[in-house]
Amino acid sequence: MRKLLDMGIEQLKKLIREMGNDALSSLQRASKSLNGGVESIADISSELHILHGDVLNIATELLVRYSPVAGDLRFIQSAIDVSYDLYRISRYAMEIERTAKVVGPFEMTPLLSRGFNLTLEALKTAVEAFENLDEVATGRLLELDREIDDLYIHSLQGIKNPETCSPVEALIMRHLERISDHAKDIGAQVIYIKEGKRV
């Protein structure tokens, strides 16, 4: 029975790894869409929705069949949450792409460039932290999240002066801020799996 449980957990890890790569691709496409990039994110988001369902099905089967406890139970619960986070990230990336399509090609300002770079780093760090159950990396996620929050607040404050920041820039930063929050939540799952504490 232990072997079958381990096999199921490995399936979950494989799916989360695939979802992490897809979520990163969606964010990279969102960045390119500002300059008129045409690679649609919808196909990635649809795939992530299906994979989230697969994670949920496998996790439910493992919970019902094997009644896992301790770290195994926490990992399975967290895999469900993380798969949803990754799916939601793709939806926010789609919103960025949709904004770019509506307003037309949009200049990648220094603020947005910094925002995308930090958010990509946060997402990569979160995916790697979950894959390796690396608690140390979660500290970096908190730092990145604070920096992205600061950029978002700066963009909101800048709306008062259109020469400083446009409403479109602030809207895109809002989506990046939400993606960063999901990345931080993925890091929090690592703490939960390792220590059994919700942070």
C-alpha atoms as a PDB file:
ATOM      1  CA  MET A   1       0.000   0.000   0.000  1.00  0.00           C
ATOM      2  CA  ARG A   2       2.868   2.369   0.809  1.00  0.00           C
ATOM      3  CA  LYS A   3       4.285   1.861  -2.662  1.00  0.00           C
ATOM      4  CA  LEU A   4       0.977   2.753  -4.305  1.00  0.00           C
ATOM      5  CA  LEU A   5       0.682   5.882  -2.174  1.00  0.00           C
ATOM      6  CA  ASP A   6       4.227   6.899  -3.138  1.00  0.00           C
ATOM      7  CA  MET A   7       3.406   6.361  -6.810  1.00  0.00           C
ATOM      8  CA  GLY A   8       0.361   8.605  -6.480  1.00  0.00           C
ATOM      9  CA  ILE A   9       2.382  11.325  -4.769  1.00  0.00           C
ATOM     10  CA  GLU A  10       4.949  11.137  -7.566  1.00  0.00           C
ATOM     11  CA  GLN A  11       2.122  11.616 -10.080  1.00  0.00           C
ATOM     12  CA  LEU A  12       1.065  14.740  -8.216  1.00  0.00           C
ATOM     13  CA  LYS A  13       4.634  16.066  -8.220  1.00  0.00           C
ATOM     14  CA  LYS A  14       4.892  15.491 -11.959  1.00  0.00           C
ATOM     15  CA  LEU A  15       1.617  17.315 -12.619  1.00  0.00           C
ATOM     16  CA  ILE A  16       2.594  20.259 -10.412  1.00  0.00           C
ATOM     17  CA  ARG A  17       5.950  20.485 -12.208  1.00  0.00           C
ATOM     18  CA  GLU A  18       4.154  20.586 -15.575  1.00  0.00           C
ATOM     19  CA  MET A  19       1.702  23.173 -14.294  1.00  0.00           C
ATOM     20  CA  GLY A  20       4.545  25.319 -12.968  1.00  0.00           C
ATOM     21  CA  ASN A  21       6.215  25.357 -16.369  1.00  0.00           C
ATOM     22  CA  ASP A  22       2.917  26.267 -18.038  1.00  0.00           C
ATOM     23  CA  ALA A  23       2.244  29.073 -15.560  1.00  0.00           C
ATOM     24  CA  LEU A  24       5.699  30.512 -16.256  1.00  0.00           C
ATOM     25  CA  SER A  25       5.026  30.333 -20.004  1.00  0.00           C
ATOM     26  CA  SER A  26       1.740  32.177 -19.544  1.00  0.00           C
ATOM     27  CA  LEU A  27       3.465  35.003 -17.673  1.00  0.00           C
ATOM     28  CA  GLN A  28       6.219  35.241 -20.292  1.00  0.00           C
ATOM     29  CA  ARG A  29       3.592  35.440 -23.043  1.00  0.00           C
ATOM     30  CA  ALA A  30       1.753  38.137 -21.100  1.00  0.00           C
ATOM     31  CA  SER A  31       4.940  40.201 -21.042  1.00  0.00           C
ATOM     32  CA  LYS A  32       5.387  39.811 -24.811  1.00  0.00           C
ATOM     33  CA  SER A  33       1.753  40.698 -25.453  1.00  0.00           C
ATOM     34  CA  LEU A  34       2.415  44.302 -24.397  1.00  0.00           C
ATOM     35  CA  ASN A  35       4.473  44.775 -27.531  1.00  0.00           C
ATOM     36  CA  GLY A  36       1.904  43.064 -29.733  1.00  0.00           C
ATOM     37  CA  GLY A  37       2.969  39.443 -29.192  1.00  0.00           C
ATOM     38  CA  VAL A  38       0.385  37.076 -30.656  1.00  0.00           C
ATOM     39  CA  GLU A  39       0.939  33.803 -28.766  1.00  0.00           C
ATOM     40  CA  SER A  40      -2.392  33.312 -27.033  1.00  0.00           C
ATOM     41  CA  ILE A  41      -2.436  32.375 -23.347  1.00  0.00           C
ATOM     42  CA  ALA A  42      -5.923  30.853 -23.569  1.00  0.00           C
ATOM     43  CA  ASP A  43      -4.588  27.443 -24.622  1.00  0.00           C
ATOM     44  CA  ILE A  44      -2.197  27.342 -21.657  1.00  0.00           C
ATOM     45  CA  SER A  45      -4.926  28.377 -19.236  1.00  0.00           C
ATOM     46  CA  SER A  46      -7.269  25.712 -20.594  1.00  0.00           C
ATOM     47  CA  GLU A  47      -4.553  23.090 -20.160  1.00  0.00           C
ATOM     48  CA  LEU A  48      -3.921  24.248 -16.585  1.00  0.00           C
ATOM     49  CA  HIS A  49      -7.631  23.985 -15.832  1.00  0.00           C
ATOM     50  CA  ILE A  50      -7.589  20.361 -17.011  1.00  0.00           C
ATOM     51  CA  LEU A  51      -4.432  19.582 -15.044  1.00  0.00           C
ATOM     52  CA  HIS A  52      -5.935  21.124 -11.911  1.00  0.00           C
ATOM     53  CA  GLY A  53      -8.829  18.691 -12.332  1.00  0.00           C
ATOM     54  CA  ASP A  54      -6.362  15.816 -12.713  1.00  0.00           C
ATOM     55  CA  VAL A  55      -4.591  16.830  -9.490  1.00  0.00           C
ATOM     56  CA  LEU A  56      -7.920  17.004  -7.676  1.00  0.00           C
ATOM     57  CA  ASN A  57      -8.952  13.550  -8.935  1.00  0.00           C
ATOM     58  CA  ILE A  58      -5.659  11.876  -8.000  1.00  0.00           C
ATOM     59  CA  ALA A  59      -5.529  13.606  -4.620  1.00  0.00           C
ATOM     60  CA  THR A  60      -9.099  12.576  -3.805  1.00  0.00           C
ATOM     61  CA  GLU A  61      -8.351   8.961  -4.736  1.00  0.00           C
ATOM     62  CA  LEU A  62      -5.230   8.929  -2.559  1.00  0.00           C
ATOM     63  CA  LEU A  63      -7.120  10.381   0.396  1.00  0.00           C
ATOM     64  CA  VAL A  64      -9.982   7.913   0.121  1.00  0.00           C
ATOM     65  CA  ARG A  65      -7.963   4.774  -0.624  1.00  0.00           C
ATOM     66  CA  TYR A  66      -4.925   5.144   1.597  1.00  0.00           C
ATOM     67  CA  SER A  67      -5.908   7.522   4.428  1.00  0.00           C
ATOM     68  CA  PRO A  68      -2.491   9.222   4.418  1.00  0.00           C
ATOM     69  CA  VAL A  69      -1.273  10.986   7.550  1.00  0.00           C
ATOM     70  CA  ALA A  70       1.273  13.605   8.603  1.00  0.00           C
ATOM     71  CA  GLY A  71       3.552  14.839   5.787  1.00  0.00           C
ATOM     72  CA  ASP A  72       1.864  12.749   3.104  1.00  0.00           C
ATOM     73  CA  LEU A  73      -1.542  14.148   3.982  1.00  0.00           C
ATOM     74  CA  ARG A  74      -0.239  17.703   4.077  1.00  0.00           C
ATOM     75  CA  PHE A  75       1.496  17.283   0.710  1.00  0.00           C
ATOM     76  CA  ILE A  76      -1.661  15.977  -0.952  1.00  0.00           C
ATOM     77  CA  GLN A  77      -3.743  18.820   0.484  1.00  0.00           C
ATOM     78  CA  SER A  78      -1.136  21.346  -0.599  1.00  0.00           C
ATOM     79  CA  ALA A  79      -0.915  19.905  -4.114  1.00  0.00           C
ATOM     80  CA  ILE A  80      -4.604  20.700  -4.570  1.00  0.00           C
ATOM     81  CA  ASP A  81      -4.109  24.285  -3.393  1.00  0.00           C
ATOM     82  CA  VAL A  82      -0.934  24.826  -5.426  1.00  0.00           C
ATOM     83  CA  SER A  83      -2.529  23.500  -8.607  1.00  0.00           C
ATOM     84  CA  TYR A  84      -5.316  26.040  -8.168  1.00  0.00           C
ATOM     85  CA  ASP A  85      -2.786  28.836  -7.545  1.00  0.00           C
ATOM     86  CA  LEU A  86      -0.992  27.956 -10.777  1.00  0.00           C
ATOM     87  CA  TYR A  87      -4.242  27.903 -12.725  1.00  0.00           C
ATOM     88  CA  ARG A  88      -5.225  31.311 -11.303  1.00  0.00           C
ATOM     89  CA  ILE A  89      -1.833  32.718 -12.296  1.00  0.00           C
ATOM     90  CA  SER A  90      -2.585  31.822 -15.912  1.00  0.00           C
ATOM     91  CA  ARG A  91      -5.933  33.618 -15.645  1.00  0.00           C
ATOM     92  CA  TYR A  92      -4.255  36.815 -14.449  1.00  0.00           C
ATOM     93  CA  ALA A  93      -1.749  36.473 -17.303  1.00  0.00           C
ATOM     94  CA  MET A  94      -4.727  36.248 -19.668  1.00  0.00           C
ATOM     95  CA  GLU A  95      -6.112  39.472 -18.224  1.00  0.00           C
ATOM     96  CA  ILE A  96      -2.808  41.205 -18.947  1.00  0.00           C
ATOM     97  CA  GLU A  97      -2.930  39.883 -22.499  1.00  0.00           C
ATOM     98  CA  ARG A  98      -6.535  41.023 -22.907  1.00  0.00           C
ATOM     99  CA  THR A  99      -5.650  44.500 -21.636  1.00  0.00           C
ATOM    100  CA  ALA A 100      -2.811  44.702 -24.167  1.00  0.00           C
ATOM    101  CA  LYS A 101      -5.156  43.677 -26.984  1.00  0.00           C
ATOM    102  CA  VAL A 102      -7.782  46.256 -26.043  1.00  0.00           C
ATOM    103  CA  VAL A 103      -5.424  49.233 -25.661  1.00  0.00           C
ATOM    104  CA  GLY A 104      -3.102  48.147 -28.476  1.00  0.00           C
ATOM    105  CA  PRO A 105       0.675  47.744 -28.241  1.00  0.00           C
ATOM    106  CA  PHE A 106       1.786  49.197 -24.923  1.00  0.00           C
ATOM    107  CA  GLU A 107       5.255  50.406 -24.094  1.00  0.00           C
ATOM    108  CA  MET A 108       7.169  48.304 -21.578  1.00  0.00           C
ATOM    109  CA  THR A 109       7.934  51.060 -19.083  1.00  0.00           C
ATOM    110  CA  PRO A 110      10.743  50.730 -16.521  1.00  0.00           C
ATOM    111  CA  LEU A 111       8.145  50.128 -13.794  1.00  0.00           C
ATOM    112  CA  LEU A 112       6.443  47.350 -15.741  1.00  0.00           C
ATOM    113  CA  SER A 113       9.763  45.818 -16.749  1.00  0.00           C
ATOM    114  CA  ARG A 114      10.763  45.706 -13.084  1.00  0.00           C
ATOM    115  CA  GLY A 115       7.339  44.328 -12.162  1.00  0.00           C
ATOM    116  CA  PHE A 116       7.467  41.523 -14.716  1.00  0.00           C
ATOM    117  CA  ASN A 117      11.052  40.590 -13.796  1.00  0.00           C
ATOM    118  CA  LEU A 118      10.266  40.415 -10.081  1.00  0.00           C
ATOM    119  CA  THR A 119       7.044  38.483 -10.668  1.00  0.00           C
ATOM    120  CA  LEU A 120       8.779  35.967 -12.929  1.00  0.00           C
ATOM    121  CA  GLU A 121      11.450  35.501 -10.272  1.00  0.00           C
ATOM    122  CA  ALA A 122       8.765  35.033  -7.617  1.00  0.00           C
ATOM    123  CA  LEU A 123       6.941  32.417  -9.684  1.00  0.00           C
ATOM    124  CA  LYS A 124      10.142  30.512 -10.529  1.00  0.00           C
ATOM    125  CA  THR A 125      11.188  30.611  -6.875  1.00  0.00           C
ATOM    126  CA  ALA A 126       7.770  29.353  -5.740  1.00  0.00           C
ATOM    127  CA  VAL A 127       7.701  26.463  -8.215  1.00  0.00           C
ATOM    128  CA  GLU A 128      11.233  25.386  -7.304  1.00  0.00           C
ATOM    129  CA  ALA A 129      10.545  25.783  -3.571  1.00  0.00           C
ATOM    130  CA  PHE A 130       7.523  23.491  -3.804  1.00  0.00           C
ATOM    131  CA  GLU A 131       9.315  20.944  -5.971  1.00  0.00           C
ATOM    132  CA  ASN A 132      12.270  20.761  -3.558  1.00  0.00           C
ATOM    133  CA  LEU A 133      10.291  21.548  -0.372  1.00  0.00           C
ATOM    134  CA  ASP A 134      12.808  24.325   0.219  1.00  0.00           C
ATOM    135  CA  GLU A 135      11.772  26.393   3.235  1.00  0.00           C
ATOM    136  CA  VAL A 136      14.671  28.818   2.789  1.00  0.00           C
ATOM    137  CA  ALA A 137      13.326  29.951  -0.591  1.00  0.00           C
ATOM    138  CA  THR A 138      10.070  31.032   1.041  1.00  0.00           C
ATOM    139  CA  GLY A 139      11.957  33.897   2.715  1.00  0.00           C
ATOM    140  CA  ARG A 140      12.955  35.215  -0.699  1.00  0.00           C
ATOM    141  CA  LEU A 141       9.301  34.997  -1.774  1.00  0.00           C
ATOM    142  CA  LEU A 142       8.301  37.321   1.051  1.00  0.00           C
ATOM    143  CA  GLU A 143      10.943  39.842  -0.041  1.00  0.00           C
ATOM    144  CA  LEU A 144       9.820  39.695  -3.660  1.00  0.00           C
ATOM    145  CA  ASP A 145       6.178  40.053  -2.679  1.00  0.00           C
ATOM    146  CA  ARG A 146       6.968  43.216  -0.684  1.00  0.00           C
ATOM    147  CA  GLU A 147       8.857  44.705  -3.643  1.00  0.00           C
ATOM    148  CA  ILE A 148       5.998  43.960  -6.033  1.00  0.00           C
ATOM    149  CA  ASP A 149       3.463  45.393  -3.578  1.00  0.00           C
ATOM    150  CA  ASP A 150       5.549  48.577  -3.413  1.00  0.00           C
ATOM    151  CA  LEU A 151       5.589  48.837  -7.207  1.00  0.00           C
ATOM    152  CA  TYR A 152       1.822  48.398  -7.321  1.00  0.00           C
ATOM    153  CA  ILE A 153       1.275  51.121  -4.704  1.00  0.00           C
ATOM    154  CA  HIS A 154       3.681  53.373  -6.619  1.00  0.00           C
ATOM    155  CA  SER A 155       1.687  52.799  -9.819  1.00  0.00           C
ATOM    156  CA  LEU A 156      -1.570  53.721  -8.053  1.00  0.00           C
ATOM    157  CA  GLN A 157      -0.051  56.883  -6.633  1.00  0.00           C
ATOM    158  CA  GLY A 158       1.288  57.749 -10.078  1.00  0.00           C
ATOM    159  CA  ILE A 159      -2.176  57.753 -11.680  1.00  0.00           C
ATOM    160  CA  LYS A 160      -2.656  61.295 -10.366  1.00  0.00           C
ATOM    161  CA  ASN A 161       0.045  62.371 -12.799  1.00  0.00           C
ATOM    162  CA  PRO A 162      -0.377  60.680 -16.233  1.00  0.00           C
ATOM    163  CA  GLU A 163       3.212  61.535 -17.082  1.00  0.00           C
ATOM    164  CA  THR A 164       4.321  59.365 -14.163  1.00  0.00           C
ATOM    165  CA  CYS A 165       2.027  56.354 -14.583  1.00  0.00           C
ATOM    166  CA  SER A 166      -0.966  55.569 -16.764  1.00  0.00           C
ATOM    167  CA  PRO A 167      -4.100  53.746 -15.539  1.00  0.00           C
ATOM    168  CA  VAL A 168      -3.209  50.863 -17.880  1.00  0.00           C
ATOM    169  CA  GLU A 169       0.181  50.518 -16.226  1.00  0.00           C
ATOM    170  CA  ALA A 170      -1.481  50.436 -12.795  1.00  0.00           C
ATOM    171  CA  LEU A 171      -3.970  47.812 -13.989  1.00  0.00           C
ATOM    172  CA  ILE A 172      -1.196  45.567 -15.279  1.00  0.00           C
ATOM    173  CA  MET A 173       0.698  46.023 -12.012  1.00  0.00           C
ATOM    174  CA  ARG A 174      -2.462  44.969 -10.161  1.00  0.00           C
ATOM    175  CA  HIS A 175      -2.472  41.673 -12.045  1.00  0.00           C
ATOM    176  CA  LEU A 176       1.239  41.166 -11.360  1.00  0.00           C
ATOM    177  CA  GLU A 177       0.626  41.868  -7.675  1.00  0.00           C
ATOM    178  CA  ARG A 178      -2.055  39.171  -7.591  1.00  0.00           C
ATOM    179  CA  ILE A 179       0.259  36.689  -9.331  1.00  0.00           C
ATOM    180  CA  SER A 180       2.905  37.468  -6.734  1.00  0.00           C
ATOM    181  CA  ASP A 181       0.387  36.761  -3.966  1.00  0.00           C
ATOM    182  CA  HIS A 182      -0.310  33.341  -5.454  1.00  0.00           C
ATOM    183  CA  ALA A 183       3.440  32.660  -5.644  1.00  0.00           C
ATOM    184  CA  LYS A 184       3.755  33.619  -1.969  1.00  0.00           C
ATOM    185  CA  ASP A 185       0.863  31.270  -1.140  1.00  0.00           C
ATOM    186  CA  ILE A 186       2.713  28.421  -2.870  1.00  0.00           C
ATOM    187  CA  GLY A 187       5.698  29.144  -0.633  1.00  0.00           C
ATOM    188  CA  ALA A 188       3.438  29.041   2.416  1.00  0.00           C
ATOM    189  CA  GLN A 189       2.402  25.516   1.428  1.00  0.00           C
ATOM    190  CA  VAL A 190       6.030  24.438   1.743  1.00  0.00           C
ATOM    191  CA  ILE A 191       6.057  25.573   5.379  1.00  0.00           C
ATOM    192  CA  TYR A 192       2.794  23.723   5.961  1.00  0.00           C
ATOM    193  CA  ILE A 193       4.099  20.486   4.470  1.00  0.00           C
ATOM    194  CA  LYS A 194       7.376  20.597   6.371  1.00  0.00           C
ATOM    195  CA  GLU A 195       6.227  21.935   9.734  1.00  0.00           C
ATOM    196  CA  GLY A 196       2.467  21.501   9.810  1.00  0.00           C
ATOM    197  CA  LYS A 197       2.008  25.251  10.381  1.00  0.00           C
ATOM    198  CA  ARG A 198      -0.241  27.560   8.390  1.00  0.00           C
ATOM    199  CA  VAL A 199       1.413  30.921   7.776  1.00  0.00           C
END
